[in-house]
Amino acid sequence: MGQNNPALNEFEDALKLNPHLIDALSQVVSIHVAGRDLKKAITRSEEQLKRSPNNPFIYNLLGNLHLADQKVDLAEGSYKKAISINPDFVSPYMAQGGCMQPQNARIRPWQSFRKL
């Protein structure tokens, strides 16, 4: 996918105009994931972070991608970064549960959330 995908091109153009459009980035990432190119989805999210480095939504999205790629440490780091930017953003707290599920340690994200 890429040059020959008009939808992808439209979403990429939207991100050029406004790098903070998380919905456009989510669509770009979804297109890459649907094309079975998780690495491209991760790379594209990392590139977007360079343009919008304080966007907790991108870190949360990146955490989800790392978790799908079974890179739990990277996922947890992304979720923690999202929380450090915006402690009121609930999604990364919830997503941390997915990081800990294999370790039977589901209580940790709830403890973090209670501190709010």
N, C-alpha and C. Protein backbone atom coordinates (compact mmCIF):
# COMPACT_ATOMS: atom_id res chain seq x y z
N MET A 1 0.85 -1.18 0.00
CA MET A 1 0.00 0.00 0.00
C MET A 1 0.89 1.23 0.00
N GLY A 2 0.34 2.33 -0.36
CA GLY A 2 1.15 3.53 -0.37
C GLY A 2 0.73 4.45 -1.48
N GLN A 3 1.65 4.66 -2.43
CA GLN A 3 1.41 5.59 -3.52
C GLN A 3 0.09 5.31 -4.24
N ASN A 4 -0.30 4.06 -4.37
CA ASN A 4 -1.49 3.69 -5.14
C ASN A 4 -2.76 3.66 -4.29
N ASN A 5 -2.69 4.12 -3.06
CA ASN A 5 -3.85 4.10 -2.18
C ASN A 5 -4.33 5.53 -1.97
N PRO A 6 -5.41 5.92 -2.66
CA PRO A 6 -5.88 7.31 -2.54
C PRO A 6 -6.27 7.70 -1.12
N ALA A 7 -6.88 6.78 -0.37
CA ALA A 7 -7.27 7.10 1.01
C ALA A 7 -6.04 7.39 1.86
N LEU A 8 -5.03 6.54 1.73
CA LEU A 8 -3.79 6.74 2.48
C LEU A 8 -3.17 8.09 2.12
N ASN A 9 -3.16 8.41 0.85
CA ASN A 9 -2.60 9.70 0.42
C ASN A 9 -3.36 10.88 1.01
N GLU A 10 -4.68 10.77 1.07
CA GLU A 10 -5.50 11.85 1.65
C GLU A 10 -5.20 12.03 3.14
N PHE A 11 -5.11 10.93 3.86
CA PHE A 11 -4.81 11.03 5.29
C PHE A 11 -3.40 11.57 5.52
N GLU A 12 -2.46 11.17 4.69
CA GLU A 12 -1.09 11.69 4.81
C GLU A 12 -1.07 13.20 4.53
N ASP A 13 -1.85 13.64 3.55
CA ASP A 13 -1.94 15.07 3.26
C ASP A 13 -2.52 15.84 4.45
N ALA A 14 -3.52 15.25 5.10
CA ALA A 14 -4.12 15.90 6.27
C ALA A 14 -3.09 16.05 7.39
N LEU A 15 -2.25 15.03 7.56
CA LEU A 15 -1.22 15.10 8.60
C LEU A 15 -0.14 16.14 8.28
N LYS A 16 0.09 16.37 7.01
CA LYS A 16 1.05 17.42 6.63
C LYS A 16 0.51 18.80 7.02
N LEU A 17 -0.79 18.96 6.91
CA LEU A 17 -1.42 20.23 7.27
C LEU A 17 -1.49 20.43 8.78
N ASN A 18 -1.76 19.32 9.49
CA ASN A 18 -1.89 19.39 10.95
C ASN A 18 -1.38 18.09 11.55
N PRO A 19 -0.16 18.10 12.10
CA PRO A 19 0.42 16.86 12.63
C PRO A 19 -0.26 16.35 13.90
N HIS A 20 -1.20 17.10 14.44
CA HIS A 20 -1.87 16.69 15.67
C HIS A 20 -3.17 15.94 15.42
N LEU A 21 -3.50 15.67 14.17
CA LEU A 21 -4.75 14.99 13.84
C LEU A 21 -4.63 13.49 14.10
N ILE A 22 -4.94 13.10 15.30
CA ILE A 22 -4.79 11.70 15.68
C ILE A 22 -5.72 10.80 14.87
N ASP A 23 -6.88 11.30 14.48
CA ASP A 23 -7.78 10.47 13.68
C ASP A 23 -7.17 10.15 12.32
N ALA A 24 -6.50 11.12 11.71
CA ALA A 24 -5.85 10.87 10.43
C ALA A 24 -4.71 9.86 10.59
N LEU A 25 -3.92 10.02 11.66
CA LEU A 25 -2.84 9.07 11.90
C LEU A 25 -3.40 7.68 12.18
N SER A 26 -4.47 7.61 12.93
CA SER A 26 -5.10 6.31 13.20
C SER A 26 -5.51 5.61 11.91
N GLN A 27 -6.02 6.39 10.97
CA GLN A 27 -6.42 5.81 9.68
C GLN A 27 -5.20 5.35 8.88
N VAL A 28 -4.13 6.14 8.88
CA VAL A 28 -2.90 5.73 8.21
C VAL A 28 -2.40 4.42 8.80
N VAL A 29 -2.36 4.35 10.10
CA VAL A 29 -1.89 3.16 10.79
C VAL A 29 -2.80 1.97 10.48
N SER A 30 -4.10 2.20 10.49
CA SER A 30 -5.05 1.12 10.19
C SER A 30 -4.84 0.56 8.79
N ILE A 31 -4.57 1.44 7.84
CA ILE A 31 -4.33 0.99 6.46
C ILE A 31 -3.08 0.11 6.41
N HIS A 32 -2.03 0.50 7.12
CA HIS A 32 -0.80 -0.31 7.13
C HIS A 32 -1.03 -1.65 7.85
N VAL A 33 -1.76 -1.61 8.94
CA VAL A 33 -2.04 -2.85 9.66
C VAL A 33 -2.90 -3.78 8.81
N ALA A 34 -3.90 -3.23 8.15
CA ALA A 34 -4.76 -4.03 7.27
C ALA A 34 -3.94 -4.66 6.14
N GLY A 35 -2.91 -3.95 5.72
CA GLY A 35 -2.01 -4.47 4.69
C GLY A 35 -0.94 -5.39 5.26
N ARG A 36 -1.10 -5.75 6.51
CA ARG A 36 -0.17 -6.66 7.21
C ARG A 36 1.26 -6.11 7.27
N ASP A 37 1.34 -4.80 7.46
CA ASP A 37 2.65 -4.16 7.56
C ASP A 37 2.75 -3.41 8.88
N LEU A 38 2.83 -4.19 9.96
CA LEU A 38 2.90 -3.63 11.30
C LEU A 38 4.15 -2.76 11.47
N LYS A 39 5.24 -3.19 10.88
CA LYS A 39 6.49 -2.41 11.00
C LYS A 39 6.31 -1.01 10.40
N LYS A 40 5.64 -0.92 9.26
CA LYS A 40 5.39 0.38 8.64
C LYS A 40 4.48 1.23 9.53
N ALA A 41 3.49 0.60 10.15
CA ALA A 41 2.59 1.33 11.05
C ALA A 41 3.37 1.90 12.23
N ILE A 42 4.29 1.12 12.77
CA ILE A 42 5.12 1.58 13.89
C ILE A 42 6.04 2.71 13.44
N THR A 43 6.70 2.50 12.32
CA THR A 43 7.62 3.51 11.79
C THR A 43 6.88 4.81 11.51
N ARG A 44 5.70 4.71 10.93
CA ARG A 44 4.93 5.92 10.60
C ARG A 44 4.52 6.66 11.86
N SER A 45 4.15 5.93 12.91
CA SER A 45 3.79 6.56 14.18
C SER A 45 5.00 7.25 14.81
N GLU A 46 6.14 6.60 14.75
CA GLU A 46 7.36 7.21 15.28
C GLU A 46 7.73 8.48 14.52
N GLU A 47 7.55 8.45 13.21
CA GLU A 47 7.81 9.65 12.40
C GLU A 47 6.88 10.79 12.82
N GLN A 48 5.63 10.45 13.08
CA GLN A 48 4.66 11.48 13.45
C GLN A 48 4.98 12.08 14.82
N LEU A 49 5.56 11.28 15.70
CA LEU A 49 5.97 11.80 17.01
C LEU A 49 7.01 12.92 16.87
N LYS A 50 7.82 12.85 15.85
CA LYS A 50 8.82 13.90 15.62
C LYS A 50 8.14 15.23 15.30
N ARG A 51 6.97 15.17 14.68
CA ARG A 51 6.23 16.38 14.31
C ARG A 51 5.30 16.83 15.43
N SER A 52 4.93 15.92 16.30
CA SER A 52 4.01 16.23 17.40
C SER A 52 4.47 15.49 18.66
N PRO A 53 5.63 15.90 19.21
CA PRO A 53 6.27 15.13 20.28
C PRO A 53 5.54 15.12 21.63
N ASN A 54 4.63 16.01 21.84
CA ASN A 54 3.92 16.04 23.12
C ASN A 54 2.48 15.57 22.99
N ASN A 55 2.24 14.70 22.04
CA ASN A 55 0.90 14.20 21.80
C ASN A 55 0.73 12.83 22.46
N PRO A 56 0.03 12.77 23.59
CA PRO A 56 -0.10 11.50 24.30
C PRO A 56 -0.86 10.45 23.50
N PHE A 57 -1.72 10.90 22.60
CA PHE A 57 -2.50 9.95 21.81
C PHE A 57 -1.61 9.14 20.87
N ILE A 58 -0.56 9.78 20.35
CA ILE A 58 0.36 9.06 19.48
C ILE A 58 1.16 8.04 20.28
N TYR A 59 1.58 8.42 21.47
CA TYR A 59 2.29 7.46 22.32
C TYR A 59 1.38 6.28 22.67
N ASN A 60 0.11 6.54 22.92
CA ASN A 60 -0.82 5.47 23.23
C ASN A 60 -0.99 4.55 22.02
N LEU A 61 -1.14 5.14 20.85
CA LEU A 61 -1.26 4.36 19.62
C LEU A 61 -0.01 3.53 19.39
N LEU A 62 1.14 4.14 19.59
CA LEU A 62 2.41 3.42 19.44
C LEU A 62 2.50 2.26 20.44
N GLY A 63 2.04 2.49 21.65
CA GLY A 63 2.00 1.40 22.63
C GLY A 63 1.14 0.24 22.16
N ASN A 64 -0.01 0.55 21.59
CA ASN A 64 -0.89 -0.50 21.06
C ASN A 64 -0.20 -1.29 19.95
N LEU A 65 0.52 -0.58 19.09
CA LEU A 65 1.23 -1.25 18.00
C LEU A 65 2.35 -2.13 18.53
N HIS A 66 3.10 -1.63 19.51
CA HIS A 66 4.17 -2.44 20.10
C HIS A 66 3.59 -3.67 20.79
N LEU A 67 2.46 -3.52 21.43
CA LEU A 67 1.83 -4.66 22.09
C LEU A 67 1.40 -5.69 21.05
N ALA A 68 0.85 -5.23 19.93
CA ALA A 68 0.47 -6.14 18.85
C ALA A 68 1.69 -6.86 18.28
N ASP A 69 2.84 -6.20 18.34
CA ASP A 69 4.10 -6.77 17.85
C ASP A 69 4.79 -7.59 18.94
N GLN A 70 4.12 -7.76 20.07
CA GLN A 70 4.60 -8.54 21.21
C GLN A 70 5.89 -7.97 21.81
N LYS A 71 6.02 -6.66 21.74
CA LYS A 71 7.16 -5.98 22.36
C LYS A 71 6.63 -5.24 23.58
N VAL A 72 6.42 -6.01 24.64
CA VAL A 72 5.74 -5.53 25.83
C VAL A 72 6.49 -4.38 26.51
N ASP A 73 7.81 -4.48 26.59
CA ASP A 73 8.58 -3.40 27.24
C ASP A 73 8.44 -2.08 26.49
N LEU A 74 8.49 -2.13 25.16
CA LEU A 74 8.31 -0.91 24.38
C LEU A 74 6.89 -0.37 24.51
N ALA A 75 5.92 -1.28 24.55
CA ALA A 75 4.52 -0.86 24.72
C ALA A 75 4.34 -0.15 26.05
N GLU A 76 4.85 -0.76 27.10
CA GLU A 76 4.69 -0.16 28.42
C GLU A 76 5.39 1.19 28.51
N GLY A 77 6.55 1.32 27.88
CA GLY A 77 7.24 2.60 27.86
C GLY A 77 6.43 3.67 27.14
N SER A 78 5.78 3.29 26.05
CA SER A 78 4.95 4.25 25.32
C SER A 78 3.75 4.68 26.15
N TYR A 79 3.13 3.73 26.83
CA TYR A 79 1.98 4.07 27.68
C TYR A 79 2.41 4.99 28.83
N LYS A 80 3.55 4.71 29.42
CA LYS A 80 4.04 5.56 30.51
C LYS A 80 4.33 6.97 30.02
N LYS A 81 4.86 7.09 28.81
CA LYS A 81 5.14 8.41 28.25
C LYS A 81 3.83 9.16 28.02
N ALA A 82 2.81 8.46 27.51
CA ALA A 82 1.50 9.10 27.30
C ALA A 82 0.94 9.61 28.62
N ILE A 83 1.07 8.81 29.66
CA ILE A 83 0.57 9.20 30.99
C ILE A 83 1.36 10.39 31.53
N SER A 84 2.68 10.40 31.31
CA SER A 84 3.49 11.51 31.82
C SER A 84 3.12 12.83 31.14
N ILE A 85 2.69 12.76 29.89
CA ILE A 85 2.28 13.97 29.17
C ILE A 85 0.90 14.43 29.61
N ASN A 86 0.00 13.47 29.79
CA ASN A 86 -1.37 13.81 30.18
C ASN A 86 -1.89 12.77 31.17
N PRO A 87 -1.70 13.01 32.47
CA PRO A 87 -2.13 12.05 33.49
C PRO A 87 -3.65 11.82 33.53
N ASP A 88 -4.42 12.69 32.88
CA ASP A 88 -5.88 12.52 32.87
C ASP A 88 -6.36 11.65 31.70
N PHE A 89 -5.48 11.26 30.82
CA PHE A 89 -5.81 10.43 29.66
C PHE A 89 -5.91 8.98 30.13
N VAL A 90 -7.10 8.43 30.12
CA VAL A 90 -7.37 7.13 30.74
C VAL A 90 -6.88 5.95 29.89
N SER A 91 -6.91 6.05 28.59
CA SER A 91 -6.59 4.91 27.72
C SER A 91 -5.26 4.22 28.02
N PRO A 92 -4.16 4.96 28.22
CA PRO A 92 -2.91 4.25 28.49
C PRO A 92 -2.91 3.49 29.81
N TYR A 93 -3.65 3.97 30.80
CA TYR A 93 -3.76 3.20 32.05
C TYR A 93 -4.41 1.86 31.76
N MET A 94 -5.48 1.90 30.98
CA MET A 94 -6.21 0.68 30.65
C MET A 94 -5.33 -0.25 29.81
N ALA A 95 -4.60 0.32 28.87
CA ALA A 95 -3.78 -0.48 27.97
C ALA A 95 -2.63 -1.16 28.71
N GLN A 96 -2.17 -0.55 29.79
CA GLN A 96 -1.10 -1.18 30.57
C GLN A 96 -1.55 -2.55 31.09
N GLY A 97 -2.83 -2.73 31.27
CA GLY A 97 -3.35 -4.04 31.69
C GLY A 97 -3.00 -5.12 30.68
N GLY A 98 -3.02 -4.76 29.40
CA GLY A 98 -2.64 -5.70 28.36
C GLY A 98 -1.18 -6.07 28.43
N CYS A 99 -0.35 -5.15 28.90
CA CYS A 99 1.07 -5.43 29.05
C CYS A 99 1.32 -6.41 30.19
N MET A 100 0.49 -6.32 31.20
CA MET A 100 0.73 -7.12 32.40
C MET A 100 -0.07 -8.40 32.43
N GLN A 101 -1.01 -8.55 31.54
CA GLN A 101 -1.85 -9.74 31.54
C GLN A 101 -1.04 -11.04 31.52
N PRO A 102 -0.01 -11.14 30.67
CA PRO A 102 0.75 -12.40 30.68
C PRO A 102 1.47 -12.64 32.00
N GLN A 103 1.69 -11.57 32.75
CA GLN A 103 2.41 -11.69 34.01
C GLN A 103 1.47 -11.85 35.21
N ASN A 104 0.17 -11.92 34.94
CA ASN A 104 -0.83 -12.01 36.00
C ASN A 104 -0.68 -10.87 37.01
N ALA A 105 -0.41 -9.69 36.50
CA ALA A 105 -0.21 -8.53 37.36
C ALA A 105 -1.18 -7.42 36.97
N ARG A 106 -2.42 -7.74 36.81
CA ARG A 106 -3.39 -6.77 36.32
C ARG A 106 -3.66 -5.62 37.29
N ILE A 107 -3.25 -5.72 38.50
CA ILE A 107 -3.57 -4.70 39.50
C ILE A 107 -2.78 -3.41 39.29
N ARG A 108 -1.59 -3.49 38.73
CA ARG A 108 -0.72 -2.31 38.61
C ARG A 108 -1.36 -1.12 37.90
N PRO A 109 -2.00 -1.29 36.73
CA PRO A 109 -2.55 -0.09 36.11
C PRO A 109 -3.65 0.54 36.94
N TRP A 110 -4.42 -0.27 37.65
CA TRP A 110 -5.48 0.29 38.50
C TRP A 110 -4.89 1.07 39.65
N GLN A 111 -3.76 0.63 40.18
CA GLN A 111 -3.11 1.38 41.25
C GLN A 111 -2.65 2.73 40.72
N SER A 112 -2.12 2.77 39.50
CA SER A 112 -1.70 4.04 38.89
C SER A 112 -2.90 4.94 38.69
N PHE A 113 -3.99 4.37 38.21
CA PHE A 113 -5.19 5.15 37.92
C PHE A 113 -5.78 5.74 39.20
N ARG A 114 -5.72 5.01 40.28
CA ARG A 114 -6.26 5.50 41.56
C ARG A 114 -5.52 6.72 42.08
N LYS A 115 -4.25 6.87 41.67
CA LYS A 115 -3.46 8.01 42.12
C LYS A 115 -3.97 9.31 41.54
N LEU A 116 -4.78 9.24 40.48
CA LEU A 116 -5.32 10.46 39.88
C LEU A 116 -6.24 11.08 40.87
